[in-house]
Amino acid sequence: MVRDRLNVAWLQLLALAIATLAAASLLPSRWLIDAVVLALAMAKGRVIVLEFLGLRHAPALWRGLLTTWLAGLTMLAGLAVALRAMV
C-alpha cells in the first residue's frame, strides 16, 4: 500500500516536472512563466513533504508548519523574481 502511494507520488512529480518544462517553452510572457514555474515547484514540494517525508499521517500542526514554510519560501522566490524584473 505504501509502495503504491510512493509510485503515485513519483508519477505526480514526473508529471509536474514535464509541466514545468512545457510551461517554460509554451507560455508567452516571462512573468507568467515565472509564476507557473513557482506554483509547480510548490506543488512538487507539497508532494515531497506529504509522501516522501511521511507527513501525510503526522499531526496537522506539522503539516501546516511545513506547508507554511514552503509557501513562504515560494513567496520569497516570487519576490526575488519581481525585483529582478524591476531592475
Protein backbone atom coordinates (compact mmCIF):
# COMPACT_ATOMS: atom_id res chain seq x y z
CA MET A 1 0.00 0.00 0.00
CA VAL A 2 2.75 2.48 0.95
CA ARG A 3 4.79 1.42 -2.06
CA ASP A 4 1.83 2.14 -4.36
CA ARG A 5 1.41 5.58 -2.80
CA LEU A 6 5.10 6.33 -3.38
CA ASN A 7 4.80 5.22 -7.00
CA VAL A 8 1.82 7.53 -7.49
CA ALA A 9 3.78 10.37 -5.85
CA TRP A 10 6.72 9.69 -8.15
CA LEU A 11 4.42 9.84 -11.18
CA GLN A 12 2.95 13.11 -9.89
CA LEU A 13 6.44 14.57 -9.56
CA LEU A 14 7.30 13.40 -13.05
CA ALA A 15 4.14 14.99 -14.47
CA LEU A 16 4.83 18.25 -12.63
CA ALA A 17 8.40 18.30 -13.95
CA ILE A 18 7.15 17.80 -17.51
CA ALA A 19 4.59 20.58 -16.96
CA THR A 20 7.43 22.85 -15.80
CA LEU A 21 9.38 22.17 -18.96
CA ALA A 22 6.28 22.72 -21.09
CA ALA A 23 5.46 25.99 -19.32
CA ALA A 24 8.95 27.32 -19.96
CA SER A 25 8.62 26.81 -23.68
CA LEU A 26 4.89 27.36 -24.35
CA LEU A 27 3.85 30.38 -22.30
CA PRO A 28 4.11 33.79 -23.97
CA SER A 29 5.33 36.15 -21.25
CA ARG A 30 8.24 35.87 -18.86
CA TRP A 31 6.30 36.82 -15.72
CA LEU A 32 3.65 34.21 -16.46
CA ILE A 33 6.34 31.56 -16.93
CA ASP A 34 7.89 32.52 -13.59
CA ALA A 35 4.54 32.38 -11.79
CA VAL A 36 3.62 28.98 -13.23
CA VAL A 37 7.06 27.51 -12.53
CA LEU A 38 6.94 28.72 -8.91
CA ALA A 39 3.42 27.32 -8.44
CA LEU A 40 4.52 23.96 -9.86
CA ALA A 41 7.58 24.00 -7.59
CA MET A 42 5.34 24.50 -4.58
CA ALA A 43 3.10 21.63 -5.70
CA LYS A 44 6.17 19.39 -6.07
CA GLY A 45 7.37 20.42 -2.61
CA ARG A 46 3.99 19.57 -1.11
CA VAL A 47 4.06 16.09 -2.67
CA ILE A 48 7.57 15.54 -1.29
CA VAL A 49 6.59 16.75 2.19
CA LEU A 50 3.46 14.62 2.38
CA GLU A 51 4.62 11.42 0.75
CA PHE A 52 8.40 11.09 0.89
CA LEU A 53 8.87 12.76 4.27
CA GLY A 54 5.88 10.81 5.58
CA LEU A 55 3.90 13.73 6.96
CA ARG A 56 0.57 12.65 5.50
CA HIS A 57 -0.25 10.95 8.80
CA ALA A 58 1.58 13.43 11.03
CA PRO A 59 -0.31 15.86 13.26
CA ALA A 60 -1.96 18.75 11.44
CA LEU A 61 0.37 21.20 13.18
CA TRP A 62 3.45 19.73 11.49
CA ARG A 63 1.79 19.59 8.09
CA GLY A 64 0.64 23.16 8.50
CA LEU A 65 4.06 24.39 9.61
CA LEU A 66 5.87 22.76 6.71
CA THR A 67 3.26 23.90 4.20
CA THR A 68 3.51 27.45 5.55
CA TRP A 69 7.30 27.30 5.34
CA LEU A 70 7.05 26.05 1.76
CA ALA A 71 4.58 28.79 0.83
CA GLY A 72 6.80 31.42 2.43
CA LEU A 73 9.83 30.17 0.55
CA THR A 74 7.87 30.27 -2.70
CA MET A 75 6.70 33.80 -1.96
CA LEU A 76 10.28 34.93 -1.30
CA ALA A 77 11.34 33.41 -4.60
CA GLY A 78 8.45 35.23 -6.30
CA LEU A 79 9.58 38.47 -4.67
CA ALA A 80 13.10 37.89 -5.98
CA VAL A 81 11.70 37.36 -9.48
CA ALA A 82 9.64 40.56 -9.20
CA LEU A 83 12.65 42.54 -8.03
CA ARG A 84 14.73 41.14 -10.87
CA ALA A 85 12.06 42.25 -13.35
CA MET A 86 12.14 45.78 -11.95
CA VAL A 87 15.91 46.13 -12.32
